[in-house]
C-alpha atoms as a PDB file:
ATOM      1  CA  UNK A   1      31.791  33.025 -30.718  1.00  0.00           C
ATOM      2  CA  UNK A   2      35.468  32.112 -30.980  1.00  0.00           C
ATOM      3  CA  UNK A   3      34.588  29.178 -33.239  1.00  0.00           C
ATOM      4  CA  UNK A   4      33.171  31.702 -35.700  1.00  0.00           C
ATOM      5  CA  UNK A   5      36.569  33.383 -36.045  1.00  0.00           C
ATOM      6  CA  UNK A   6      38.324  30.045 -36.437  1.00  0.00           C
ATOM      7  CA  UNK A   7      35.979  28.938 -39.207  1.00  0.00           C
ATOM      8  CA  UNK A   8      36.303  32.341 -40.849  1.00  0.00           C
ATOM      9  CA  UNK A   9      40.103  32.122 -40.894  1.00  0.00           C
ATOM     10  CA  UNK A  10      39.960  28.651 -42.438  1.00  0.00           C
ATOM     11  CA  UNK A  11      37.512  29.788 -45.127  1.00  0.00           C
ATOM     12  CA  UNK A  12      39.536  32.887 -46.007  1.00  0.00           C
ATOM     13  CA  UNK A  13      42.711  30.807 -46.102  1.00  0.00           C
ATOM     14  CA  UNK A  14      41.014  28.290 -48.366  1.00  0.00           C
ATOM     15  CA  UNK A  15      39.897  31.086 -50.678  1.00  0.00           C
ATOM     16  CA  UNK A  16      43.443  32.459 -50.891  1.00  0.00           C
ATOM     17  CA  UNK A  17      44.850  29.024 -51.699  1.00  0.00           C
ATOM     18  CA  UNK A  18      42.196  28.373 -54.329  1.00  0.00           C
ATOM     19  CA  UNK A  19      42.813  31.780 -55.899  1.00  0.00           C
ATOM     20  CA  UNK A  20      46.526  31.023 -56.104  1.00  0.00           C
ATOM     21  CA  UNK A  21      46.030  27.549 -57.549  1.00  0.00           C
ATOM     22  CA  UNK A  22      43.388  28.474 -60.134  1.00  0.00           C
ATOM     23  CA  UNK A  23      44.900  31.928 -60.885  1.00  0.00           C
ATOM     24  CA  UNK A  24      41.624  33.788 -60.432  1.00  0.00           C
ATOM     25  CA  UNK A  25      41.871  37.052 -62.334  1.00  0.00           C
ATOM     26  CA  UNK A  26      39.282  38.836 -60.181  1.00  0.00           C
ATOM     27  CA  UNK A  27      41.303  38.051 -57.065  1.00  0.00           C
ATOM     28  CA  UNK A  28      44.625  39.348 -58.359  1.00  0.00           C
ATOM     29  CA  UNK A  29      43.192  42.517 -59.909  1.00  0.00           C
ATOM     30  CA  UNK A  30      41.370  43.585 -56.733  1.00  0.00           C
ATOM     31  CA  UNK A  31      42.545  46.743 -54.992  1.00  0.00           C
ATOM     32  CA  UNK A  32      43.838  44.823 -51.968  1.00  0.00           C
ATOM     33  CA  UNK A  33      46.105  42.512 -53.973  1.00  0.00           C
ATOM     34  CA  UNK A  34      47.190  44.883 -56.723  1.00  0.00           C
ATOM     35  CA  UNK A  35      50.017  46.331 -54.598  1.00  0.00           C
ATOM     36  CA  UNK A  36      51.709  42.946 -54.198  1.00  0.00           C
ATOM     37  CA  UNK A  37      51.112  41.904 -57.806  1.00  0.00           C
ATOM     38  CA  UNK A  38      52.643  45.125 -59.135  1.00  0.00           C
ATOM     39  CA  UNK A  39      55.702  44.900 -56.880  1.00  0.00           C
ATOM     40  CA  UNK A  40      56.640  41.218 -57.099  1.00  0.00           C
ATOM     41  CA  UNK A  41      54.792  39.961 -60.166  1.00  0.00           C
ATOM     42  CA  UNK A  42      51.847  37.635 -60.612  1.00  0.00           C
ATOM     43  CA  UNK A  43      53.739  34.352 -60.112  1.00  0.00           C
ATOM     44  CA  UNK A  44      55.318  35.409 -56.825  1.00  0.00           C
ATOM     45  CA  UNK A  45      52.038  36.951 -55.669  1.00  0.00           C
ATOM     46  CA  UNK A  46      50.329  33.604 -56.284  1.00  0.00           C
ATOM     47  CA  UNK A  47      53.020  31.872 -54.222  1.00  0.00           C
ATOM     48  CA  UNK A  48      52.695  34.489 -51.481  1.00  0.00           C
ATOM     49  CA  UNK A  49      48.923  34.090 -51.246  1.00  0.00           C
ATOM     50  CA  UNK A  50      49.196  30.300 -51.301  1.00  0.00           C
ATOM     51  CA  UNK A  51      51.612  30.388 -48.352  1.00  0.00           C
ATOM     52  CA  UNK A  52      49.489  32.934 -46.470  1.00  0.00           C
ATOM     53  CA  UNK A  53      46.375  30.846 -47.110  1.00  0.00           C
ATOM     54  CA  UNK A  54      48.007  27.659 -45.853  1.00  0.00           C
ATOM     55  CA  UNK A  55      49.238  29.531 -42.784  1.00  0.00           C
ATOM     56  CA  UNK A  56      45.729  30.816 -42.068  1.00  0.00           C
ATOM     57  CA  UNK A  57      44.245  27.337 -42.441  1.00  0.00           C
ATOM     58  CA  UNK A  58      46.892  25.853 -40.147  1.00  0.00           C
ATOM     59  CA  UNK A  59      46.347  28.598 -37.572  1.00  0.00           C
ATOM     60  CA  UNK A  60      42.574  28.094 -37.623  1.00  0.00           C
ATOM     61  CA  UNK A  61      42.903  24.331 -37.204  1.00  0.00           C
ATOM     62  CA  UNK A  62      45.479  24.743 -34.428  1.00  0.00           C
ATOM     63  CA  UNK A  63      43.298  27.128 -32.442  1.00  0.00           C
ATOM     64  CA  UNK A  64      40.234  24.988 -33.024  1.00  0.00           C
ATOM     65  CA  UNK A  65      41.990  21.936 -31.605  1.00  0.00           C
ATOM     66  CA  UNK A  66      43.523  23.934 -28.743  1.00  0.00           C
ATOM     67  CA  UNK A  67      40.247  25.550 -27.741  1.00  0.00           C
ATOM     68  CA  UNK A  68      38.376  22.232 -27.791  1.00  0.00           C
ATOM     69  CA  UNK A  69      40.368  21.247 -24.701  1.00  0.00           C
ATOM     70  CA  UNK A  70      39.478  24.511 -22.924  1.00  0.00           C
ATOM     71  CA  UNK A  71      35.765  24.434 -23.696  1.00  0.00           C
END
């Protein structure tokens, strides 16, 4: 069950990074991201989501490797 959350965090992080790299219009005009885009601009929002995505991927990989020792 915990592996599901780890994989989910990696996939969501990957989606955020891909959206930032390819500048997906549907991603940055969504209701959840519009607040950040309007306040800091599209370029900084892309950087923000790239950093958040990389952090989520790193966290998912870290917990996956940590929990392999426990299980």
